[in-house]
Amino acid sequence: MKILLINNYSIENCLNKANEGVQPAHHKWGSDYLKSKGNDVDTEVFNLDGVGIIKKQI
């Protein structure tokens, strides 16, 4: 299944920090679990300053 996870901060950065042990895992919003079950999870950052425009985090 293809899943798009949208949040107002980078889930990818949270995954990396949680894997390094410097941030709690709950900031990943289950994205690691969804990936472990074989889902194709893509993440996007919702830009609140851009009047609701979805912007890819670089």
N, C-alpha and C. Protein backbone atom coordinates (compact mmCIF):
# COMPACT_ATOMS: atom_id res chain seq x y z
N MET A 1 0.84 -1.17 0.00
CA MET A 1 0.00 0.00 0.00
C MET A 1 0.90 1.24 0.00
N LYS A 2 0.50 2.24 -0.76
CA LYS A 2 1.20 3.52 -0.80
C LYS A 2 0.56 4.45 0.22
N ILE A 3 1.38 5.01 1.12
CA ILE A 3 0.89 5.90 2.17
C ILE A 3 1.65 7.21 2.12
N LEU A 4 0.93 8.33 2.17
CA LEU A 4 1.55 9.64 2.26
C LEU A 4 1.33 10.17 3.67
N LEU A 5 2.42 10.37 4.39
CA LEU A 5 2.37 10.88 5.75
C LEU A 5 2.73 12.36 5.72
N ILE A 6 1.80 13.22 6.11
CA ILE A 6 1.99 14.67 6.06
C ILE A 6 2.04 15.20 7.49
N ASN A 7 3.02 16.02 7.78
CA ASN A 7 3.15 16.61 9.11
C ASN A 7 3.77 17.99 8.98
N ASN A 8 3.75 18.76 10.07
CA ASN A 8 4.32 20.11 10.03
C ASN A 8 5.79 20.14 10.42
N TYR A 9 6.41 18.97 10.56
CA TYR A 9 7.86 18.86 10.72
C TYR A 9 8.31 17.59 10.02
N SER A 10 9.59 17.47 9.78
CA SER A 10 10.13 16.36 9.01
C SER A 10 10.10 15.04 9.79
N ILE A 11 9.30 14.10 9.31
CA ILE A 11 9.25 12.77 9.91
C ILE A 11 10.57 12.05 9.67
N GLU A 12 11.20 12.28 8.53
CA GLU A 12 12.49 11.63 8.23
C GLU A 12 13.54 12.04 9.26
N ASN A 13 13.59 13.33 9.61
CA ASN A 13 14.53 13.77 10.65
C ASN A 13 14.22 13.11 11.99
N CYS A 14 12.95 12.96 12.29
CA CYS A 14 12.54 12.31 13.55
C CYS A 14 12.95 10.84 13.55
N LEU A 15 12.79 10.16 12.41
CA LEU A 15 13.22 8.77 12.31
C LEU A 15 14.71 8.63 12.60
N ASN A 16 15.49 9.51 11.98
CA ASN A 16 16.93 9.47 12.18
C ASN A 16 17.30 9.74 13.64
N LYS A 17 16.69 10.75 14.24
CA LYS A 17 17.00 11.09 15.63
C LYS A 17 16.56 9.99 16.60
N ALA A 18 15.42 9.38 16.34
CA ALA A 18 14.95 8.29 17.20
C ALA A 18 15.88 7.08 17.08
N ASN A 19 16.32 6.79 15.87
CA ASN A 19 17.25 5.67 15.67
C ASN A 19 18.60 5.92 16.33
N GLU A 20 18.98 7.20 16.45
CA GLU A 20 20.22 7.56 17.14
C GLU A 20 20.04 7.61 18.65
N GLY A 21 18.79 7.55 19.11
CA GLY A 21 18.49 7.58 20.54
C GLY A 21 18.49 8.97 21.16
N VAL A 22 18.38 10.00 20.33
CA VAL A 22 18.39 11.38 20.86
C VAL A 22 17.01 12.03 20.90
N GLN A 23 15.98 11.30 20.44
CA GLN A 23 14.62 11.84 20.44
C GLN A 23 13.64 10.69 20.67
N PRO A 24 12.55 10.94 21.39
CA PRO A 24 11.56 9.89 21.62
C PRO A 24 10.96 9.37 20.31
N ALA A 25 10.59 8.10 20.31
CA ALA A 25 10.07 7.47 19.10
C ALA A 25 8.66 7.91 18.73
N HIS A 26 7.91 8.48 19.66
CA HIS A 26 6.52 8.83 19.35
C HIS A 26 6.40 9.94 18.30
N HIS A 27 7.48 10.66 18.02
CA HIS A 27 7.45 11.72 17.01
C HIS A 27 7.44 11.16 15.59
N LYS A 28 7.56 9.84 15.45
CA LYS A 28 7.56 9.21 14.13
C LYS A 28 6.16 8.88 13.64
N TRP A 29 5.16 9.00 14.52
CA TRP A 29 3.75 8.79 14.19
C TRP A 29 3.48 7.44 13.52
N GLY A 30 4.22 6.41 13.91
CA GLY A 30 3.98 5.06 13.40
C GLY A 30 4.52 4.79 12.02
N SER A 31 5.25 5.74 11.44
CA SER A 31 5.76 5.55 10.08
C SER A 31 6.72 4.36 10.00
N ASP A 32 7.50 4.14 11.04
CA ASP A 32 8.42 2.99 11.04
C ASP A 32 7.64 1.68 11.07
N TYR A 33 6.55 1.64 11.82
CA TYR A 33 5.71 0.44 11.88
C TYR A 33 5.08 0.16 10.52
N LEU A 34 4.54 1.21 9.89
CA LEU A 34 3.92 1.04 8.58
C LEU A 34 4.92 0.52 7.55
N LYS A 35 6.16 1.05 7.58
CA LYS A 35 7.21 0.59 6.67
C LYS A 35 7.57 -0.86 6.96
N SER A 36 7.64 -1.23 8.24
CA SER A 36 8.02 -2.60 8.61
C SER A 36 6.99 -3.63 8.14
N LYS A 37 5.77 -3.20 7.89
CA LYS A 37 4.71 -4.09 7.41
C LYS A 37 4.64 -4.12 5.88
N GLY A 38 5.64 -3.54 5.22
CA GLY A 38 5.73 -3.61 3.77
C GLY A 38 5.06 -2.49 3.01
N ASN A 39 4.60 -1.48 3.71
CA ASN A 39 3.96 -0.34 3.04
C ASN A 39 5.01 0.60 2.47
N ASP A 40 4.68 1.25 1.38
CA ASP A 40 5.53 2.27 0.78
C ASP A 40 5.11 3.62 1.37
N VAL A 41 5.90 4.12 2.32
CA VAL A 41 5.55 5.34 3.05
C VAL A 41 6.39 6.51 2.53
N ASP A 42 5.72 7.54 2.05
CA ASP A 42 6.38 8.76 1.62
C ASP A 42 6.00 9.85 2.62
N THR A 43 6.91 10.78 2.88
CA THR A 43 6.63 11.84 3.84
C THR A 43 6.74 13.20 3.17
N GLU A 44 5.88 14.10 3.58
CA GLU A 44 5.88 15.48 3.12
C GLU A 44 5.71 16.39 4.33
N VAL A 45 6.23 17.60 4.21
CA VAL A 45 6.11 18.59 5.28
C VAL A 45 5.06 19.61 4.87
N PHE A 46 4.07 19.82 5.74
CA PHE A 46 3.03 20.82 5.52
C PHE A 46 3.58 22.16 5.98
N ASN A 47 3.71 23.08 5.06
CA ASN A 47 4.30 24.39 5.34
C ASN A 47 3.22 25.35 5.82
N LEU A 48 3.15 25.57 7.12
CA LEU A 48 2.14 26.46 7.68
C LEU A 48 2.34 27.91 7.27
N ASP A 49 3.58 28.30 6.98
CA ASP A 49 3.86 29.68 6.59
C ASP A 49 3.50 29.95 5.13
N GLY A 50 3.34 28.90 4.34
CA GLY A 50 3.06 29.05 2.92
C GLY A 50 1.59 28.92 2.60
N VAL A 51 0.73 29.29 3.52
CA VAL A 51 -0.71 29.25 3.36
C VAL A 51 -1.17 27.85 2.94
N GLY A 52 -0.67 26.84 3.64
CA GLY A 52 -1.14 25.48 3.43
C GLY A 52 -0.52 24.76 2.26
N ILE A 53 0.52 25.27 1.68
CA ILE A 53 1.17 24.61 0.55
C ILE A 53 2.02 23.46 1.09
N ILE A 54 1.94 22.32 0.45
CA ILE A 54 2.79 21.19 0.84
C ILE A 54 4.13 21.36 0.14
N LYS A 55 5.19 21.29 0.93
CA LYS A 55 6.53 21.53 0.41
C LYS A 55 7.43 20.39 0.83
N LYS A 56 8.19 19.83 -0.10
CA LYS A 56 9.11 18.73 0.19
C LYS A 56 10.29 19.27 1.00
N GLN A 57 10.60 18.59 2.12
CA GLN A 57 11.73 18.95 2.95
C GLN A 57 13.02 18.51 2.26
N ILE A 58 13.99 19.41 2.16
CA ILE A 58 15.26 19.09 1.50
C ILE A 58 16.32 18.91 2.57
